[in-house]
Amino acid sequence: MKRIRGENQDSQIIPKYQRIIHDKFILDVLSLASTRLSNNEIADQITSMYGFKVSPSVISNCIQTVQDEMRDWHERPLENNYPIIMIDGKVFKIKTEESGRSKYVNKTLYVVVGINADGQKELIALYVSNTESATEW
């Protein structure tokens, strides 16, 4: 890439001396990805939101990184004993596409929180189910 003398060469995504993309940028990418846009469409939206061009491969890498981190978190060993475990579910209406038609379906997000012997709360698990029922608990 050519450098222009006298021009500011700082990255518009990553601040100087920082090597990690800003959380807001990643959240925006994930939010757009959740609407089932393609990586090209997400890149176009990010360009209009932030005013600079992002390649579809950057979008793909952001999504893959978050998916890898989530998988690692879900597969981590639990290190504490939890005398108290709280489980709660929240039902959300999620828009889906079936046969070219939009449809809303209920999905339940379950949150599992453990309270350790010191009284500190720890998020143990998050998972999504099609129903909220006793068998899911």
N, C-alpha and C. Protein backbone atom coordinates (compact mmCIF):
# COMPACT_ATOMS: atom_id res chain seq x y z
N MET A 1 0.84 -1.17 0.00
CA MET A 1 0.00 0.00 0.00
C MET A 1 0.89 1.24 0.00
N LYS A 2 0.59 2.18 -0.86
CA LYS A 2 1.36 3.42 -0.93
C LYS A 2 1.08 4.29 0.28
N ARG A 3 2.09 4.96 0.73
CA ARG A 3 1.92 5.92 1.81
C ARG A 3 1.92 7.31 1.22
N ILE A 4 1.06 8.14 1.75
CA ILE A 4 0.99 9.53 1.30
C ILE A 4 1.64 10.38 2.37
N ARG A 5 2.67 11.11 1.99
CA ARG A 5 3.38 11.95 2.96
C ARG A 5 2.45 13.02 3.52
N GLY A 6 2.55 13.22 4.81
CA GLY A 6 1.76 14.26 5.45
C GLY A 6 0.34 13.83 5.78
N GLU A 7 -0.05 12.64 5.39
CA GLU A 7 -1.39 12.15 5.68
C GLU A 7 -1.35 11.26 6.92
N ASN A 8 -2.47 11.21 7.63
CA ASN A 8 -2.59 10.35 8.79
C ASN A 8 -2.74 8.91 8.31
N GLN A 9 -1.86 8.02 8.75
CA GLN A 9 -1.88 6.63 8.32
C GLN A 9 -2.47 5.70 9.38
N ASP A 10 -3.09 6.23 10.41
CA ASP A 10 -3.66 5.40 11.46
C ASP A 10 -4.82 4.59 10.92
N SER A 11 -4.95 3.36 11.43
CA SER A 11 -6.04 2.48 11.04
C SER A 11 -7.36 3.06 11.52
N GLN A 12 -8.38 2.87 10.71
CA GLN A 12 -9.70 3.34 11.11
C GLN A 12 -10.42 2.30 11.96
N ILE A 13 -9.94 1.05 11.94
CA ILE A 13 -10.57 -0.01 12.72
C ILE A 13 -9.84 -0.20 14.04
N ILE A 14 -8.52 -0.32 13.97
CA ILE A 14 -7.72 -0.64 15.15
C ILE A 14 -6.89 0.58 15.55
N PRO A 15 -7.09 1.09 16.78
CA PRO A 15 -6.30 2.23 17.24
C PRO A 15 -4.81 1.92 17.25
N LYS A 16 -4.00 2.97 17.21
CA LYS A 16 -2.55 2.85 17.18
C LYS A 16 -2.06 1.99 18.36
N TYR A 17 -1.14 1.09 18.08
CA TYR A 17 -0.52 0.18 19.03
C TYR A 17 -1.46 -0.90 19.58
N GLN A 18 -2.66 -0.96 19.09
CA GLN A 18 -3.59 -2.00 19.53
C GLN A 18 -3.70 -3.03 18.41
N ARG A 19 -3.74 -4.29 18.76
CA ARG A 19 -3.80 -5.34 17.75
C ARG A 19 -5.12 -6.09 17.77
N ILE A 20 -6.05 -5.64 18.57
CA ILE A 20 -7.34 -6.31 18.68
C ILE A 20 -8.42 -5.38 18.14
N ILE A 21 -9.31 -5.94 17.32
CA ILE A 21 -10.40 -5.15 16.76
C ILE A 21 -11.35 -4.76 17.88
N HIS A 22 -11.88 -3.57 17.83
CA HIS A 22 -12.77 -3.03 18.85
C HIS A 22 -14.03 -3.90 19.00
N ASP A 23 -14.48 -4.07 20.24
CA ASP A 23 -15.65 -4.90 20.52
C ASP A 23 -16.89 -4.43 19.77
N LYS A 24 -17.08 -3.12 19.65
CA LYS A 24 -18.28 -2.60 18.97
C LYS A 24 -18.30 -3.05 17.52
N PHE A 25 -17.15 -3.05 16.88
CA PHE A 25 -17.06 -3.49 15.49
C PHE A 25 -17.49 -4.96 15.38
N ILE A 26 -16.97 -5.80 16.27
CA ILE A 26 -17.30 -7.22 16.25
C ILE A 26 -18.78 -7.42 16.55
N LEU A 27 -19.32 -6.69 17.52
CA LEU A 27 -20.75 -6.81 17.82
C LEU A 27 -21.61 -6.40 16.64
N ASP A 28 -21.20 -5.36 15.93
CA ASP A 28 -21.94 -4.96 14.73
C ASP A 28 -21.88 -6.04 13.66
N VAL A 29 -20.72 -6.65 13.47
CA VAL A 29 -20.59 -7.74 12.49
C VAL A 29 -21.49 -8.91 12.89
N LEU A 30 -21.46 -9.29 14.17
CA LEU A 30 -22.29 -10.41 14.63
C LEU A 30 -23.77 -10.10 14.52
N SER A 31 -24.13 -8.87 14.82
CA SER A 31 -25.53 -8.46 14.70
C SER A 31 -26.00 -8.59 13.26
N LEU A 32 -25.19 -8.14 12.33
CA LEU A 32 -25.54 -8.26 10.91
C LEU A 32 -25.55 -9.72 10.47
N ALA A 33 -24.61 -10.51 10.97
CA ALA A 33 -24.56 -11.93 10.61
C ALA A 33 -25.79 -12.67 11.11
N SER A 34 -26.33 -12.25 12.24
CA SER A 34 -27.51 -12.91 12.80
C SER A 34 -28.75 -12.70 11.94
N THR A 35 -28.70 -11.71 11.05
CA THR A 35 -29.83 -11.47 10.14
C THR A 35 -29.69 -12.28 8.86
N ARG A 36 -28.69 -13.16 8.83
CA ARG A 36 -28.44 -14.07 7.71
C ARG A 36 -27.98 -13.36 6.44
N LEU A 37 -27.30 -12.24 6.61
CA LEU A 37 -26.70 -11.57 5.46
C LEU A 37 -25.44 -12.33 5.06
N SER A 38 -25.08 -12.26 3.80
CA SER A 38 -23.83 -12.87 3.34
C SER A 38 -22.66 -12.01 3.82
N ASN A 39 -21.45 -12.55 3.76
CA ASN A 39 -20.27 -11.78 4.16
C ASN A 39 -20.09 -10.55 3.28
N ASN A 40 -20.41 -10.67 1.99
CA ASN A 40 -20.33 -9.50 1.10
C ASN A 40 -21.33 -8.42 1.52
N GLU A 41 -22.55 -8.84 1.87
CA GLU A 41 -23.57 -7.87 2.30
C GLU A 41 -23.18 -7.22 3.63
N ILE A 42 -22.62 -8.01 4.53
CA ILE A 42 -22.16 -7.46 5.81
C ILE A 42 -21.04 -6.46 5.57
N ALA A 43 -20.10 -6.79 4.70
CA ALA A 43 -19.00 -5.88 4.38
C ALA A 43 -19.54 -4.56 3.83
N ASP A 44 -20.55 -4.63 2.97
CA ASP A 44 -21.17 -3.41 2.43
C ASP A 44 -21.82 -2.58 3.54
N GLN A 45 -22.52 -3.25 4.46
CA GLN A 45 -23.17 -2.55 5.57
C GLN A 45 -22.13 -1.89 6.49
N ILE A 46 -21.06 -2.61 6.78
CA ILE A 46 -20.00 -2.06 7.63
C ILE A 46 -19.38 -0.84 6.96
N THR A 47 -19.19 -0.91 5.64
CA THR A 47 -18.65 0.22 4.90
C THR A 47 -19.54 1.44 5.06
N SER A 48 -20.86 1.25 4.96
CA SER A 48 -21.76 2.39 5.11
C SER A 48 -21.85 2.87 6.56
N MET A 49 -21.67 1.97 7.53
CA MET A 49 -21.75 2.35 8.94
C MET A 49 -20.50 3.09 9.40
N TYR A 50 -19.32 2.58 9.01
CA TYR A 50 -18.06 3.10 9.52
C TYR A 50 -17.34 4.02 8.55
N GLY A 51 -17.72 3.98 7.28
CA GLY A 51 -17.10 4.87 6.30
C GLY A 51 -15.78 4.39 5.75
N PHE A 52 -15.45 3.12 5.93
CA PHE A 52 -14.25 2.55 5.32
C PHE A 52 -14.57 1.14 4.84
N LYS A 53 -13.80 0.69 3.86
CA LYS A 53 -14.06 -0.59 3.22
C LYS A 53 -13.45 -1.74 4.02
N VAL A 54 -14.23 -2.80 4.15
CA VAL A 54 -13.79 -4.02 4.83
C VAL A 54 -14.04 -5.18 3.88
N SER A 55 -13.09 -6.08 3.78
CA SER A 55 -13.25 -7.21 2.86
C SER A 55 -14.14 -8.29 3.50
N PRO A 56 -14.81 -9.08 2.67
CA PRO A 56 -15.62 -10.19 3.19
C PRO A 56 -14.78 -11.19 4.00
N SER A 57 -13.49 -11.32 3.68
CA SER A 57 -12.64 -12.24 4.45
C SER A 57 -12.43 -11.75 5.88
N VAL A 58 -12.38 -10.43 6.08
CA VAL A 58 -12.28 -9.88 7.44
C VAL A 58 -13.55 -10.23 8.22
N ILE A 59 -14.70 -10.10 7.57
CA ILE A 59 -15.98 -10.44 8.19
C ILE A 59 -15.98 -11.92 8.57
N SER A 60 -15.58 -12.76 7.65
CA SER A 60 -15.53 -14.20 7.88
C SER A 60 -14.61 -14.54 9.05
N ASN A 61 -13.45 -13.89 9.11
CA ASN A 61 -12.50 -14.13 10.21
C ASN A 61 -13.07 -13.70 11.55
N CYS A 62 -13.78 -12.57 11.60
CA CYS A 62 -14.40 -12.10 12.85
C CYS A 62 -15.42 -13.13 13.35
N ILE A 63 -16.27 -13.58 12.45
CA ILE A 63 -17.31 -14.55 12.82
C ILE A 63 -16.68 -15.85 13.28
N GLN A 64 -15.68 -16.34 12.55
CA GLN A 64 -15.02 -17.60 12.90
C GLN A 64 -14.32 -17.50 14.25
N THR A 65 -13.69 -16.38 14.52
CA THR A 65 -13.01 -16.18 15.81
C THR A 65 -13.99 -16.26 16.96
N VAL A 66 -15.13 -15.61 16.83
CA VAL A 66 -16.14 -15.64 17.89
C VAL A 66 -16.71 -17.05 18.04
N GLN A 67 -16.97 -17.73 16.93
CA GLN A 67 -17.48 -19.10 17.01
C GLN A 67 -16.47 -20.02 17.71
N ASP A 68 -15.20 -19.85 17.40
CA ASP A 68 -14.16 -20.66 18.05
C ASP A 68 -14.10 -20.38 19.55
N GLU A 69 -14.18 -19.10 19.93
CA GLU A 69 -14.15 -18.74 21.35
C GLU A 69 -15.37 -19.29 22.08
N MET A 70 -16.54 -19.24 21.45
CA MET A 70 -17.76 -19.78 22.07
C MET A 70 -17.65 -21.29 22.25
N ARG A 71 -17.14 -21.98 21.23
CA ARG A 71 -16.97 -23.44 21.33
C ARG A 71 -16.02 -23.78 22.47
N ASP A 72 -14.89 -23.07 22.55
CA ASP A 72 -13.93 -23.31 23.63
C ASP A 72 -14.56 -23.06 24.99
N TRP A 73 -15.36 -22.01 25.11
CA TRP A 73 -16.01 -21.68 26.37
C TRP A 73 -17.00 -22.78 26.76
N HIS A 74 -17.78 -23.25 25.79
CA HIS A 74 -18.76 -24.30 26.07
C HIS A 74 -18.09 -25.62 26.47
N GLU A 75 -16.91 -25.88 25.95
CA GLU A 75 -16.22 -27.14 26.21
C GLU A 75 -15.25 -27.07 27.38
N ARG A 76 -15.16 -25.94 28.04
CA ARG A 76 -14.20 -25.78 29.13
C ARG A 76 -14.59 -26.64 30.32
N PRO A 77 -13.61 -27.11 31.08
CA PRO A 77 -13.93 -27.85 32.30
C PRO A 77 -14.38 -26.87 33.39
N LEU A 78 -15.34 -27.28 34.19
CA LEU A 78 -15.78 -26.45 35.31
C LEU A 78 -14.84 -26.71 36.48
N GLU A 79 -14.31 -25.64 37.05
CA GLU A 79 -13.27 -25.78 38.07
C GLU A 79 -13.80 -25.72 39.49
N ASN A 80 -15.00 -25.25 39.68
CA ASN A 80 -15.52 -25.08 41.03
C ASN A 80 -16.67 -26.04 41.31
N ASN A 81 -16.90 -26.24 42.61
CA ASN A 81 -18.12 -26.90 43.04
C ASN A 81 -19.13 -25.79 43.31
N TYR A 82 -20.35 -26.02 42.94
CA TYR A 82 -21.37 -24.99 43.09
C TYR A 82 -22.46 -25.51 44.02
N PRO A 83 -22.49 -25.03 45.28
CA PRO A 83 -23.55 -25.45 46.19
C PRO A 83 -24.93 -25.00 45.71
N ILE A 84 -24.95 -23.92 44.94
CA ILE A 84 -26.22 -23.40 44.42
C ILE A 84 -26.09 -23.22 42.91
N ILE A 85 -27.09 -23.72 42.20
CA ILE A 85 -27.15 -23.53 40.75
C ILE A 85 -28.52 -22.95 40.42
N MET A 86 -28.51 -21.87 39.64
CA MET A 86 -29.76 -21.24 39.21
C MET A 86 -29.87 -21.40 37.70
N ILE A 87 -31.06 -21.80 37.26
CA ILE A 87 -31.33 -21.95 35.83
C ILE A 87 -32.56 -21.13 35.51
N ASP A 88 -32.48 -20.34 34.47
CA ASP A 88 -33.63 -19.54 34.06
C ASP A 88 -33.72 -19.56 32.55
N GLY A 89 -34.93 -19.45 32.07
CA GLY A 89 -35.15 -19.43 30.63
C GLY A 89 -35.96 -18.20 30.24
N LYS A 90 -35.63 -17.64 29.11
CA LYS A 90 -36.34 -16.47 28.57
C LYS A 90 -36.75 -16.82 27.15
N VAL A 91 -38.03 -16.66 26.85
CA VAL A 91 -38.54 -16.97 25.51
C VAL A 91 -38.43 -15.73 24.63
N PHE A 92 -37.89 -15.93 23.43
CA PHE A 92 -37.77 -14.87 22.44
C PHE A 92 -38.48 -15.31 21.17
N LYS A 93 -39.07 -14.35 20.48
CA LYS A 93 -39.62 -14.62 19.15
C LYS A 93 -38.51 -14.36 18.14
N ILE A 94 -38.19 -15.38 17.36
CA ILE A 94 -37.11 -15.31 16.39
C ILE A 94 -37.70 -15.40 14.99
N LYS A 95 -37.29 -14.48 14.12
CA LYS A 95 -37.76 -14.49 12.74
C LYS A 95 -36.96 -15.50 11.94
N THR A 96 -37.66 -16.40 11.24
CA THR A 96 -37.02 -17.39 10.39
C THR A 96 -37.61 -17.33 8.99
N GLU A 97 -36.89 -17.92 8.07
CA GLU A 97 -37.35 -18.00 6.68
C GLU A 97 -37.64 -19.45 6.35
N GLU A 98 -38.87 -19.73 5.91
CA GLU A 98 -39.22 -21.06 5.46
C GLU A 98 -39.96 -20.95 4.15
N SER A 99 -39.45 -21.62 3.15
CA SER A 99 -40.06 -21.61 1.81
C SER A 99 -40.27 -20.20 1.31
N GLY A 100 -39.30 -19.33 1.58
CA GLY A 100 -39.39 -17.96 1.09
C GLY A 100 -40.32 -17.06 1.88
N ARG A 101 -40.88 -17.57 2.97
CA ARG A 101 -41.80 -16.79 3.80
C ARG A 101 -41.20 -16.56 5.18
N SER A 102 -41.40 -15.36 5.68
CA SER A 102 -40.94 -15.05 7.04
C SER A 102 -41.93 -15.60 8.04
N LYS A 103 -41.39 -16.14 9.12
CA LYS A 103 -42.23 -16.72 10.15
C LYS A 103 -41.53 -16.50 11.49
N TYR A 104 -42.30 -16.27 12.54
CA TYR A 104 -41.73 -16.10 13.87
C TYR A 104 -41.95 -17.38 14.67
N VAL A 105 -40.88 -17.84 15.30
CA VAL A 105 -40.96 -19.02 16.16
C VAL A 105 -40.41 -18.67 17.53
N ASN A 106 -40.91 -19.35 18.54
CA ASN A 106 -40.41 -19.15 19.89
C ASN A 106 -39.17 -19.99 20.12
N LYS A 107 -38.15 -19.37 20.69
CA LYS A 107 -36.93 -20.06 21.10
C LYS A 107 -36.66 -19.63 22.54
N THR A 108 -36.19 -20.56 23.34
CA THR A 108 -35.89 -20.27 24.73
C THR A 108 -34.39 -20.24 24.95
N LEU A 109 -33.92 -19.15 25.54
CA LEU A 109 -32.51 -19.03 25.92
C LEU A 109 -32.42 -19.40 27.40
N TYR A 110 -31.67 -20.47 27.68
CA TYR A 110 -31.45 -20.89 29.05
C TYR A 110 -30.11 -20.35 29.55
N VAL A 111 -30.12 -19.84 30.76
CA VAL A 111 -28.93 -19.32 31.41
C VAL A 111 -28.72 -20.12 32.69
N VAL A 112 -27.52 -20.67 32.85
CA VAL A 112 -27.19 -21.45 34.04
C VAL A 112 -26.09 -20.70 34.79
N VAL A 113 -26.39 -20.33 36.04
CA VAL A 113 -25.45 -19.59 36.88
C VAL A 113 -25.19 -20.41 38.14
N GLY A 114 -23.92 -20.57 38.48
CA GLY A 114 -23.56 -21.26 39.71
C GLY A 114 -23.04 -20.26 40.72
N ILE A 115 -23.34 -20.52 41.98
CA ILE A 115 -22.80 -19.70 43.06
C ILE A 115 -21.80 -20.58 43.81
N ASN A 116 -20.54 -20.15 43.83
CA ASN A 116 -19.50 -20.97 44.46
C ASN A 116 -19.51 -20.79 45.98
N ALA A 117 -18.62 -21.49 46.65
CA ALA A 117 -18.57 -21.47 48.12
C ALA A 117 -18.26 -20.08 48.67
N ASP A 118 -17.61 -19.22 47.87
CA ASP A 118 -17.31 -17.85 48.30
C ASP A 118 -18.46 -16.89 48.05
N GLY A 119 -19.56 -17.39 47.48
CA GLY A 119 -20.71 -16.54 47.20
C GLY A 119 -20.64 -15.81 45.88
N GLN A 120 -19.63 -16.11 45.07
CA GLN A 120 -19.50 -15.44 43.77
C GLN A 120 -20.31 -16.19 42.71
N LYS A 121 -20.98 -15.41 41.86
CA LYS A 121 -21.76 -15.99 40.77
C LYS A 121 -20.87 -16.19 39.56
N GLU A 122 -21.05 -17.32 38.90
CA GLU A 122 -20.30 -17.63 37.68
C GLU A 122 -21.28 -18.13 36.63
N LEU A 123 -21.14 -17.60 35.43
CA LEU A 123 -21.94 -18.10 34.32
C LEU A 123 -21.39 -19.46 33.92
N ILE A 124 -22.23 -20.48 34.02
CA ILE A 124 -21.79 -21.84 33.71
C ILE A 124 -22.12 -22.20 32.27
N ALA A 125 -23.33 -21.84 31.83
CA ALA A 125 -23.73 -22.26 30.48
C ALA A 125 -24.83 -21.36 29.94
N LEU A 126 -24.87 -21.30 28.63
CA LEU A 126 -25.96 -20.67 27.87
C LEU A 126 -26.35 -21.67 26.80
N TYR A 127 -27.64 -21.88 26.61
CA TYR A 127 -28.03 -22.71 25.48
C TYR A 127 -29.43 -22.33 25.03
N VAL A 128 -29.72 -22.66 23.78
CA VAL A 128 -31.00 -22.32 23.16
C VAL A 128 -31.77 -23.60 22.90
N SER A 129 -33.07 -23.54 23.17
CA SER A 129 -33.95 -24.68 22.94
C SER A 129 -35.18 -24.22 22.17
N ASN A 130 -35.86 -25.17 21.55
CA ASN A 130 -37.09 -24.83 20.83
C ASN A 130 -38.27 -24.61 21.76
N THR A 131 -38.19 -25.16 22.97
CA THR A 131 -39.31 -25.04 23.89
C THR A 131 -38.81 -24.72 25.29
N GLU A 132 -39.74 -24.26 26.11
CA GLU A 132 -39.46 -24.10 27.54
C GLU A 132 -40.31 -25.16 28.23
N SER A 133 -39.65 -26.19 28.71
CA SER A 133 -40.39 -27.29 29.32
C SER A 133 -39.55 -27.92 30.43
N ALA A 134 -40.21 -28.74 31.24
CA ALA A 134 -39.53 -29.40 32.35
C ALA A 134 -38.41 -30.31 31.85
N THR A 135 -38.59 -30.93 30.69
CA THR A 135 -37.56 -31.83 30.18
C THR A 135 -36.30 -31.07 29.78
N GLU A 136 -36.44 -29.81 29.40
CA GLU A 136 -35.29 -29.00 29.02
C GLU A 136 -34.49 -28.54 30.24
N TRP A 137 -35.15 -28.40 31.37
CA TRP A 137 -34.46 -27.94 32.57
C TRP A 137 -33.50 -29.00 33.02
